[in-house]
Amino acid sequence: MAAGVGPGRHSVGSNLFYYFANPCGAYIEYYADMDCIMSPEAWIAREWAPTPENFAAWGPPIPEEMQL
């Protein structure tokens, strides 16, 4: 991947993202606008399993080399 992956919006956190591959092949994520929970009572914890399908609410699919 030459330029990067993105832009997109992550499902968890609802933040905007853009991934870049550095010269060594590692990925760097720039992100902004992450949700902030101001009251612990407003949050209901639940399990979330990352999959290629729920990587992003919109944006490009997760590249194979970034999948767990």
N, C-alpha and C. Protein backbone atom coordinates (compact mmCIF):
# COMPACT_ATOMS: atom_id res chain seq x y z
N MET A 1 0.86 -1.17 0.00
CA MET A 1 0.00 0.00 0.00
C MET A 1 0.91 1.23 0.00
N ALA A 2 0.80 2.05 -0.98
CA ALA A 2 1.69 3.19 -1.14
C ALA A 2 1.27 4.38 -0.28
N ALA A 3 0.05 4.85 -0.43
CA ALA A 3 -0.36 6.10 0.23
C ALA A 3 -0.97 5.87 1.60
N GLY A 4 -1.97 5.03 1.69
CA GLY A 4 -2.63 4.82 2.97
C GLY A 4 -4.00 4.21 2.81
N VAL A 5 -4.69 4.09 3.92
CA VAL A 5 -6.05 3.56 3.94
C VAL A 5 -6.93 4.61 4.58
N GLY A 6 -7.95 5.04 3.87
CA GLY A 6 -8.84 6.02 4.47
C GLY A 6 -9.20 7.07 3.46
N PRO A 7 -9.89 8.08 3.84
CA PRO A 7 -10.40 8.26 5.20
C PRO A 7 -11.59 7.33 5.47
N GLY A 8 -11.94 7.24 6.74
CA GLY A 8 -13.07 6.43 7.15
C GLY A 8 -13.52 6.84 8.53
N ARG A 9 -14.53 6.16 9.05
CA ARG A 9 -15.02 6.40 10.41
C ARG A 9 -15.14 5.06 11.11
N HIS A 10 -14.41 4.91 12.22
CA HIS A 10 -14.48 3.67 12.99
C HIS A 10 -15.86 3.50 13.61
N SER A 11 -16.30 2.24 13.70
CA SER A 11 -17.59 1.94 14.33
C SER A 11 -17.54 2.22 15.83
N VAL A 12 -16.51 1.72 16.49
CA VAL A 12 -16.35 1.96 17.93
C VAL A 12 -15.61 3.29 18.09
N GLY A 13 -16.13 4.20 18.87
CA GLY A 13 -15.51 5.50 19.07
C GLY A 13 -16.01 6.55 18.10
N SER A 14 -16.55 6.11 16.99
CA SER A 14 -17.12 7.00 15.98
C SER A 14 -16.12 8.04 15.46
N ASN A 15 -14.82 7.73 15.56
CA ASN A 15 -13.81 8.70 15.17
C ASN A 15 -13.43 8.57 13.69
N LEU A 16 -13.06 9.69 13.10
CA LEU A 16 -12.53 9.71 11.75
C LEU A 16 -11.11 9.16 11.79
N PHE A 17 -10.69 8.45 10.73
CA PHE A 17 -9.33 7.90 10.72
C PHE A 17 -8.72 7.98 9.33
N TYR A 18 -7.40 7.87 9.32
CA TYR A 18 -6.63 7.70 8.09
C TYR A 18 -5.38 6.93 8.48
N TYR A 19 -5.11 5.82 7.83
CA TYR A 19 -3.90 5.04 8.09
C TYR A 19 -2.87 5.30 7.00
N PHE A 20 -1.62 5.38 7.41
CA PHE A 20 -0.50 5.50 6.49
C PHE A 20 0.48 4.37 6.76
N ALA A 21 1.09 3.85 5.71
CA ALA A 21 2.16 2.86 5.87
C ALA A 21 3.48 3.62 5.90
N ASN A 22 4.31 3.36 6.92
CA ASN A 22 5.61 4.02 6.96
C ASN A 22 6.61 3.22 6.13
N PRO A 23 7.83 3.72 5.91
CA PRO A 23 8.80 3.02 5.06
C PRO A 23 9.15 1.61 5.55
N CYS A 24 8.98 1.34 6.84
CA CYS A 24 9.29 0.01 7.38
C CYS A 24 8.11 -0.95 7.23
N GLY A 25 6.96 -0.46 6.77
CA GLY A 25 5.80 -1.32 6.57
C GLY A 25 4.82 -1.32 7.73
N ALA A 26 5.11 -0.58 8.80
CA ALA A 26 4.18 -0.47 9.92
C ALA A 26 3.12 0.57 9.59
N TYR A 27 1.97 0.49 10.25
CA TYR A 27 0.88 1.43 9.99
C TYR A 27 0.78 2.47 11.09
N ILE A 28 0.53 3.70 10.69
CA ILE A 28 0.34 4.83 11.60
C ILE A 28 -1.07 5.33 11.39
N GLU A 29 -1.79 5.53 12.48
CA GLU A 29 -3.17 6.01 12.38
C GLU A 29 -3.26 7.44 12.88
N TYR A 30 -3.84 8.29 12.05
CA TYR A 30 -4.23 9.63 12.47
C TYR A 30 -5.73 9.59 12.70
N TYR A 31 -6.19 10.15 13.80
CA TYR A 31 -7.62 10.13 14.07
C TYR A 31 -8.06 11.42 14.74
N ALA A 32 -9.35 11.68 14.65
CA ALA A 32 -9.93 12.88 15.26
C ALA A 32 -11.40 12.64 15.55
N ASP A 33 -11.96 13.45 16.41
CA ASP A 33 -13.39 13.47 16.67
C ASP A 33 -13.89 12.19 17.34
N MET A 34 -13.11 11.65 18.28
CA MET A 34 -13.53 10.45 18.99
C MET A 34 -14.61 10.79 20.01
N ASP A 35 -15.58 9.89 20.16
CA ASP A 35 -16.63 10.09 21.16
C ASP A 35 -16.03 10.22 22.55
N CYS A 36 -16.63 11.03 23.38
CA CYS A 36 -16.21 11.22 24.76
C CYS A 36 -17.42 10.97 25.65
N ILE A 37 -17.30 10.05 26.57
CA ILE A 37 -18.40 9.73 27.47
C ILE A 37 -18.22 10.56 28.74
N MET A 38 -19.13 11.49 28.94
CA MET A 38 -19.01 12.43 30.05
C MET A 38 -19.55 11.88 31.37
N SER A 39 -20.42 10.89 31.31
CA SER A 39 -21.03 10.33 32.51
C SER A 39 -20.93 8.81 32.46
N PRO A 40 -20.37 8.17 33.49
CA PRO A 40 -20.28 6.71 33.50
C PRO A 40 -21.66 6.04 33.39
N GLU A 41 -22.70 6.71 33.87
CA GLU A 41 -24.05 6.14 33.80
C GLU A 41 -24.58 6.11 32.36
N ALA A 42 -24.00 6.89 31.47
CA ALA A 42 -24.46 6.96 30.08
C ALA A 42 -23.89 5.83 29.22
N TRP A 43 -22.98 5.03 29.77
CA TRP A 43 -22.31 4.00 28.99
C TRP A 43 -22.73 2.61 29.44
N ILE A 44 -23.07 1.76 28.49
CA ILE A 44 -23.38 0.36 28.77
C ILE A 44 -22.27 -0.46 28.11
N ALA A 45 -21.46 -1.12 28.93
CA ALA A 45 -20.36 -1.93 28.40
C ALA A 45 -20.91 -3.18 27.74
N ARG A 46 -20.28 -3.58 26.61
CA ARG A 46 -20.68 -4.82 25.94
C ARG A 46 -19.49 -5.34 25.14
N GLU A 47 -19.56 -6.61 24.78
CA GLU A 47 -18.50 -7.24 24.00
C GLU A 47 -18.53 -6.72 22.56
N TRP A 48 -17.35 -6.58 21.98
CA TRP A 48 -17.23 -6.17 20.58
C TRP A 48 -16.08 -6.96 19.98
N ALA A 49 -16.39 -7.73 18.97
CA ALA A 49 -15.36 -8.53 18.31
C ALA A 49 -14.99 -7.86 16.99
N PRO A 50 -13.73 -7.46 16.80
CA PRO A 50 -13.34 -6.82 15.55
C PRO A 50 -13.37 -7.81 14.39
N THR A 51 -13.98 -7.39 13.31
CA THR A 51 -14.01 -8.18 12.07
C THR A 51 -13.78 -7.22 10.90
N PRO A 52 -13.42 -7.74 9.76
CA PRO A 52 -13.26 -6.85 8.59
C PRO A 52 -14.56 -6.11 8.25
N GLU A 53 -15.71 -6.72 8.57
CA GLU A 53 -16.99 -6.09 8.25
C GLU A 53 -17.33 -4.91 9.15
N ASN A 54 -16.88 -4.92 10.41
CA ASN A 54 -17.23 -3.81 11.30
C ASN A 54 -16.04 -2.92 11.63
N PHE A 55 -15.00 -3.00 10.82
CA PHE A 55 -13.81 -2.16 10.99
C PHE A 55 -14.16 -0.68 10.92
N ALA A 56 -15.05 -0.33 10.01
CA ALA A 56 -15.41 1.07 9.82
C ALA A 56 -16.88 1.21 9.49
N ALA A 57 -17.50 2.29 9.99
CA ALA A 57 -18.89 2.60 9.67
C ALA A 57 -18.99 3.00 8.20
N TRP A 58 -17.97 3.67 7.69
CA TRP A 58 -17.83 3.98 6.26
C TRP A 58 -16.36 4.14 5.97
N GLY A 59 -16.01 3.98 4.76
CA GLY A 59 -14.61 4.08 4.36
C GLY A 59 -14.18 2.81 3.66
N PRO A 60 -12.89 2.65 3.46
CA PRO A 60 -12.38 1.50 2.72
C PRO A 60 -12.43 0.24 3.57
N PRO A 61 -12.43 -0.94 2.94
CA PRO A 61 -12.34 -2.18 3.73
C PRO A 61 -10.95 -2.30 4.35
N ILE A 62 -10.85 -3.03 5.44
CA ILE A 62 -9.56 -3.21 6.11
C ILE A 62 -8.64 -4.05 5.22
N PRO A 63 -7.42 -3.59 4.97
CA PRO A 63 -6.49 -4.37 4.14
C PRO A 63 -6.15 -5.69 4.81
N GLU A 64 -5.90 -6.69 4.02
CA GLU A 64 -5.60 -8.03 4.55
C GLU A 64 -4.41 -8.03 5.51
N GLU A 65 -3.38 -7.24 5.21
CA GLU A 65 -2.18 -7.23 6.06
C GLU A 65 -2.41 -6.56 7.42
N MET A 66 -3.55 -5.86 7.58
CA MET A 66 -3.87 -5.22 8.87
C MET A 66 -4.85 -6.04 9.70
N GLN A 67 -5.38 -7.12 9.14
CA GLN A 67 -6.36 -7.92 9.85
C GLN A 67 -5.68 -8.74 10.94
N LEU A 68 -6.40 -8.98 12.03
CA LEU A 68 -5.86 -9.75 13.16
C LEU A 68 -5.81 -11.22 12.84
